[in-house]
Amino acid sequence: MDVKYDLNSYVRVLKKASTPSWDEFSQIGLIAGAGIFLIGFMGFVIFALMSFLPGGV
């Protein structure tokens, strides 16, 4: 394990990284929120189906 090489790699990545603009940040937030909502809605639908079908939970 070459520590100097690893540190140089980390520094190079940090130099290329930048803070996202407000537009990028809000777009990521909207996409993440839509994904969380979609997964939650699918879970609710599965729960509702299992509750109303015979032999469900």
N, C-alpha and C. Protein backbone atom coordinates (compact mmCIF):
# COMPACT_ATOMS: atom_id res chain seq x y z
N MET A 1 0.85 -1.18 0.00
CA MET A 1 0.00 0.00 0.00
C MET A 1 0.89 1.23 0.00
N ASP A 2 0.82 2.00 -1.07
CA ASP A 2 1.64 3.19 -1.24
C ASP A 2 0.86 4.41 -0.77
N VAL A 3 1.17 4.88 0.44
CA VAL A 3 0.41 5.96 1.06
C VAL A 3 0.56 7.25 0.26
N LYS A 4 1.76 7.54 -0.22
CA LYS A 4 1.96 8.78 -0.97
C LYS A 4 1.13 8.78 -2.25
N TYR A 5 1.07 7.66 -2.94
CA TYR A 5 0.28 7.55 -4.16
C TYR A 5 -1.21 7.73 -3.84
N ASP A 6 -1.66 7.09 -2.76
CA ASP A 6 -3.07 7.21 -2.36
C ASP A 6 -3.42 8.65 -2.03
N LEU A 7 -2.58 9.33 -1.25
CA LEU A 7 -2.86 10.72 -0.89
C LEU A 7 -2.89 11.61 -2.12
N ASN A 8 -1.99 11.38 -3.07
CA ASN A 8 -2.01 12.17 -4.31
C ASN A 8 -3.30 11.95 -5.09
N SER A 9 -3.79 10.73 -5.09
CA SER A 9 -5.05 10.43 -5.78
C SER A 9 -6.21 11.16 -5.11
N TYR A 10 -6.23 11.14 -3.77
CA TYR A 10 -7.31 11.82 -3.05
C TYR A 10 -7.28 13.32 -3.29
N VAL A 11 -6.09 13.90 -3.26
CA VAL A 11 -5.95 15.34 -3.48
C VAL A 11 -6.39 15.70 -4.89
N ARG A 12 -6.04 14.89 -5.88
CA ARG A 12 -6.44 15.15 -7.27
C ARG A 12 -7.96 15.14 -7.40
N VAL A 13 -8.61 14.18 -6.76
CA VAL A 13 -10.08 14.11 -6.83
C VAL A 13 -10.70 15.33 -6.15
N LEU A 14 -10.19 15.71 -4.99
CA LEU A 14 -10.74 16.87 -4.28
C LEU A 14 -10.55 18.16 -5.06
N LYS A 15 -9.46 18.28 -5.80
CA LYS A 15 -9.24 19.48 -6.60
C LYS A 15 -10.23 19.55 -7.76
N LYS A 16 -10.62 18.42 -8.32
CA LYS A 16 -11.57 18.41 -9.43
C LYS A 16 -13.02 18.55 -8.97
N ALA A 17 -13.29 18.20 -7.71
CA ALA A 17 -14.66 18.28 -7.19
C ALA A 17 -15.07 19.74 -7.02
N SER A 18 -16.35 19.99 -7.19
CA SER A 18 -16.87 21.34 -7.01
C SER A 18 -18.23 21.28 -6.34
N THR A 19 -18.62 22.38 -5.73
CA THR A 19 -19.92 22.47 -5.09
C THR A 19 -20.98 22.61 -6.18
N PRO A 20 -22.07 21.84 -6.09
CA PRO A 20 -23.10 21.95 -7.13
C PRO A 20 -23.82 23.30 -7.04
N SER A 21 -24.30 23.74 -8.18
CA SER A 21 -25.09 24.98 -8.20
C SER A 21 -26.46 24.69 -7.58
N TRP A 22 -27.21 25.75 -7.32
CA TRP A 22 -28.52 25.57 -6.72
C TRP A 22 -29.44 24.77 -7.65
N ASP A 23 -29.34 24.99 -8.96
CA ASP A 23 -30.17 24.24 -9.91
C ASP A 23 -29.85 22.75 -9.86
N GLU A 24 -28.57 22.40 -9.84
CA GLU A 24 -28.18 20.99 -9.74
C GLU A 24 -28.66 20.38 -8.43
N PHE A 25 -28.49 21.11 -7.34
CA PHE A 25 -28.88 20.62 -6.02
C PHE A 25 -30.39 20.39 -5.95
N SER A 26 -31.17 21.33 -6.46
CA SER A 26 -32.62 21.17 -6.40
C SER A 26 -33.09 20.04 -7.32
N GLN A 27 -32.44 19.86 -8.45
CA GLN A 27 -32.81 18.76 -9.34
C GLN A 27 -32.51 17.41 -8.70
N ILE A 28 -31.37 17.29 -8.03
CA ILE A 28 -31.04 16.05 -7.33
C ILE A 28 -32.04 15.80 -6.21
N GLY A 29 -32.42 16.86 -5.50
CA GLY A 29 -33.41 16.72 -4.44
C GLY A 29 -34.76 16.26 -4.96
N LEU A 30 -35.19 16.81 -6.07
CA LEU A 30 -36.48 16.41 -6.65
C LEU A 30 -36.46 14.95 -7.10
N ILE A 31 -35.37 14.54 -7.73
CA ILE A 31 -35.27 13.16 -8.20
C ILE A 31 -35.22 12.20 -7.03
N ALA A 32 -34.45 12.54 -6.00
CA ALA A 32 -34.38 11.68 -4.81
C ALA A 32 -35.73 11.62 -4.10
N GLY A 33 -36.40 12.75 -3.98
CA GLY A 33 -37.72 12.78 -3.35
C GLY A 33 -38.74 11.96 -4.13
N ALA A 34 -38.70 12.04 -5.45
CA ALA A 34 -39.62 11.26 -6.28
C ALA A 34 -39.35 9.76 -6.10
N GLY A 35 -38.07 9.39 -6.00
CA GLY A 35 -37.73 7.98 -5.80
C GLY A 35 -38.21 7.48 -4.45
N ILE A 36 -38.03 8.28 -3.40
CA ILE A 36 -38.51 7.89 -2.06
C ILE A 36 -40.03 7.75 -2.07
N PHE A 37 -40.72 8.70 -2.69
CA PHE A 37 -42.18 8.63 -2.78
C PHE A 37 -42.63 7.39 -3.54
N LEU A 38 -41.96 7.09 -4.64
CA LEU A 38 -42.34 5.94 -5.46
C LEU A 38 -42.17 4.63 -4.69
N ILE A 39 -41.05 4.47 -3.99
CA ILE A 39 -40.81 3.26 -3.22
C ILE A 39 -41.84 3.14 -2.10
N GLY A 40 -42.13 4.24 -1.42
CA GLY A 40 -43.14 4.23 -0.35
C GLY A 40 -44.52 3.90 -0.87
N PHE A 41 -44.88 4.46 -2.02
CA PHE A 41 -46.19 4.19 -2.60
C PHE A 41 -46.31 2.72 -3.01
N MET A 42 -45.23 2.18 -3.58
CA MET A 42 -45.26 0.76 -3.96
C MET A 42 -45.42 -0.11 -2.72
N GLY A 43 -44.73 0.21 -1.64
CA GLY A 43 -44.88 -0.53 -0.40
C GLY A 43 -46.29 -0.45 0.15
N PHE A 44 -46.89 0.73 0.07
CA PHE A 44 -48.26 0.88 0.54
C PHE A 44 -49.24 0.06 -0.29
N VAL A 45 -49.05 0.06 -1.60
CA VAL A 45 -49.93 -0.72 -2.47
C VAL A 45 -49.80 -2.21 -2.17
N ILE A 46 -48.59 -2.68 -1.99
CA ILE A 46 -48.39 -4.10 -1.66
C ILE A 46 -49.01 -4.41 -0.31
N PHE A 47 -48.84 -3.54 0.67
CA PHE A 47 -49.45 -3.75 1.98
C PHE A 47 -50.97 -3.78 1.87
N ALA A 48 -51.55 -2.85 1.11
CA ALA A 48 -53.00 -2.80 0.96
C ALA A 48 -53.52 -4.06 0.27
N LEU A 49 -52.83 -4.53 -0.76
CA LEU A 49 -53.25 -5.75 -1.44
C LEU A 49 -53.17 -6.96 -0.51
N MET A 50 -52.10 -7.04 0.26
CA MET A 50 -51.95 -8.17 1.17
C MET A 50 -52.96 -8.12 2.31
N SER A 51 -53.41 -6.94 2.68
CA SER A 51 -54.39 -6.81 3.76
C SER A 51 -55.78 -7.21 3.31
N PHE A 52 -56.12 -6.91 2.07
CA PHE A 52 -57.49 -7.16 1.60
C PHE A 52 -57.65 -8.53 0.96
N LEU A 53 -56.59 -9.14 0.52
CA LEU A 53 -56.70 -10.47 -0.09
C LEU A 53 -56.86 -11.53 1.00
N PRO A 54 -57.58 -12.59 0.70
CA PRO A 54 -57.73 -13.67 1.70
C PRO A 54 -56.34 -14.29 2.02
N GLY A 55 -56.12 -14.54 3.29
CA GLY A 55 -54.85 -15.12 3.70
C GLY A 55 -53.74 -14.10 3.80
N GLY A 56 -54.08 -12.81 3.79
CA GLY A 56 -53.08 -11.76 3.89
C GLY A 56 -52.62 -11.57 5.32
N VAL A 57 -51.86 -10.56 5.53
CA VAL A 57 -51.29 -10.29 6.85
C VAL A 57 -52.36 -9.97 7.86
